[in-house]
Amino acid sequence: MSDTPVKQQNTAAYYGQAVASFAVALGAVALGIANLEADVWVRAFLGIAVLYLTTSAFTLAKVVRDRQEAGHLISRVDQARLEKLLAEHDPFQKL
């Protein structure tokens, strides 16, 4: 009697909006750094910092998602074990 959760799927519009938002934000930062009135090495440093921040954000999102999925899997395995024990248990059996 386990309730399997419905797998949630994002719509194409939501996915497109997320990609477009990311592209606009990254483009705006790149344009701001390019038009910054500073030495080339300062702009290069800021560009590398933005790239590092972006890859770190993707890595963090993946780690959080993987941990959440592992938690669901462990809880489903524990639930299956409990259901098996309850199904096999006979309360009238002598100890």
Protein backbone atom coordinates (compact mmCIF):
# COMPACT_ATOMS: atom_id res chain seq x y z
CA MET A 1 0.00 0.00 0.00
CA SER A 2 2.73 2.47 -0.78
CA ASP A 3 1.83 5.80 -2.30
CA THR A 4 4.21 6.45 -5.15
CA PRO A 5 4.58 10.20 -5.61
CA VAL A 6 3.74 11.66 -8.98
CA LYS A 7 6.88 12.73 -10.79
CA GLN A 8 6.70 16.45 -11.40
CA GLN A 9 7.69 17.64 -14.83
CA ASN A 10 8.49 21.25 -15.72
CA THR A 11 6.72 22.76 -18.70
CA ALA A 12 8.59 23.86 -21.80
CA ALA A 13 7.66 27.48 -21.10
CA TYR A 14 9.14 27.31 -17.59
CA TYR A 15 12.32 25.74 -18.95
CA GLY A 16 12.55 28.40 -21.68
CA GLN A 17 12.01 31.18 -19.17
CA ALA A 18 14.77 29.84 -16.93
CA VAL A 19 17.22 29.56 -19.82
CA ALA A 20 16.33 33.03 -21.14
CA SER A 21 16.64 34.56 -17.67
CA PHE A 22 20.05 32.98 -17.19
CA ALA A 23 21.22 34.18 -20.62
CA VAL A 24 20.01 37.75 -20.01
CA ALA A 25 21.63 37.91 -16.56
CA LEU A 26 24.95 36.55 -17.78
CA GLY A 27 24.88 38.85 -20.82
CA ALA A 28 24.10 41.90 -18.67
CA VAL A 29 27.00 41.16 -16.35
CA ALA A 30 29.34 40.56 -19.28
CA LEU A 31 28.24 43.83 -20.91
CA GLY A 32 28.71 45.67 -17.62
CA ILE A 33 32.20 44.28 -17.17
CA ALA A 34 33.13 45.08 -20.78
CA ASN A 35 31.97 48.71 -20.41
CA LEU A 36 33.58 49.16 -17.00
CA GLU A 37 36.10 51.97 -16.90
CA ALA A 38 38.93 49.98 -15.37
CA ASP A 39 42.17 48.33 -16.41
CA VAL A 40 42.04 45.21 -18.52
CA TRP A 41 43.28 43.02 -15.69
CA VAL A 42 40.41 44.21 -13.43
CA ARG A 43 37.84 43.36 -16.10
CA ALA A 44 39.51 40.00 -16.71
CA PHE A 45 39.44 39.25 -12.99
CA LEU A 46 35.74 40.12 -12.77
CA GLY A 47 35.02 37.97 -15.85
CA ILE A 48 36.78 34.97 -14.33
CA ALA A 49 34.93 35.58 -11.04
CA VAL A 50 31.57 35.55 -12.85
CA LEU A 51 32.45 32.31 -14.64
CA TYR A 52 33.56 30.73 -11.36
CA LEU A 53 30.37 31.84 -9.63
CA THR A 54 28.27 30.44 -12.47
CA THR A 55 29.91 27.01 -12.42
CA SER A 56 29.72 26.93 -8.62
CA ALA A 57 25.98 27.69 -8.76
CA PHE A 58 25.41 24.83 -11.23
CA THR A 59 27.43 22.46 -9.05
CA LEU A 60 25.55 23.47 -5.91
CA ALA A 61 22.19 22.99 -7.64
CA LYS A 62 23.22 19.51 -8.79
CA VAL A 63 24.46 18.50 -5.33
CA VAL A 64 21.24 19.69 -3.68
CA ARG A 65 19.13 17.84 -6.27
CA ASP A 66 21.16 14.64 -5.91
CA ARG A 67 20.87 14.73 -2.11
CA GLN A 68 17.12 15.26 -2.32
CA GLU A 69 16.70 12.38 -4.79
CA ALA A 70 18.83 10.09 -2.59
CA GLY A 71 16.66 10.97 0.41
CA HIS A 72 13.54 9.98 -1.51
CA LEU A 73 15.13 6.71 -2.56
CA ILE A 74 16.25 5.83 0.97
CA SER A 75 12.82 6.62 2.41
CA ARG A 76 11.14 4.47 -0.26
CA VAL A 77 13.47 1.54 0.52
CA ASP A 78 12.78 1.93 4.26
CA GLN A 79 9.04 2.08 3.59
CA ALA A 80 9.22 -1.10 1.50
CA ARG A 81 11.11 -2.90 4.28
CA LEU A 82 8.55 -1.80 6.85
CA GLU A 83 5.67 -2.95 4.64
CA LYS A 84 7.35 -6.34 4.17
CA LEU A 85 7.85 -6.76 7.92
CA LEU A 86 4.24 -5.82 8.62
CA ALA A 87 2.96 -8.19 5.94
CA GLU A 88 4.99 -11.09 7.33
CA HIS A 89 4.13 -10.41 10.98
CA ASP A 90 1.65 -12.77 12.59
CA PRO A 91 0.37 -11.34 15.88
CA PHE A 92 -0.99 -14.74 16.96
CA GLN A 93 2.30 -16.61 16.57
CA LYS A 94 3.89 -17.79 19.80
CA LEU A 95 7.25 -16.35 20.66
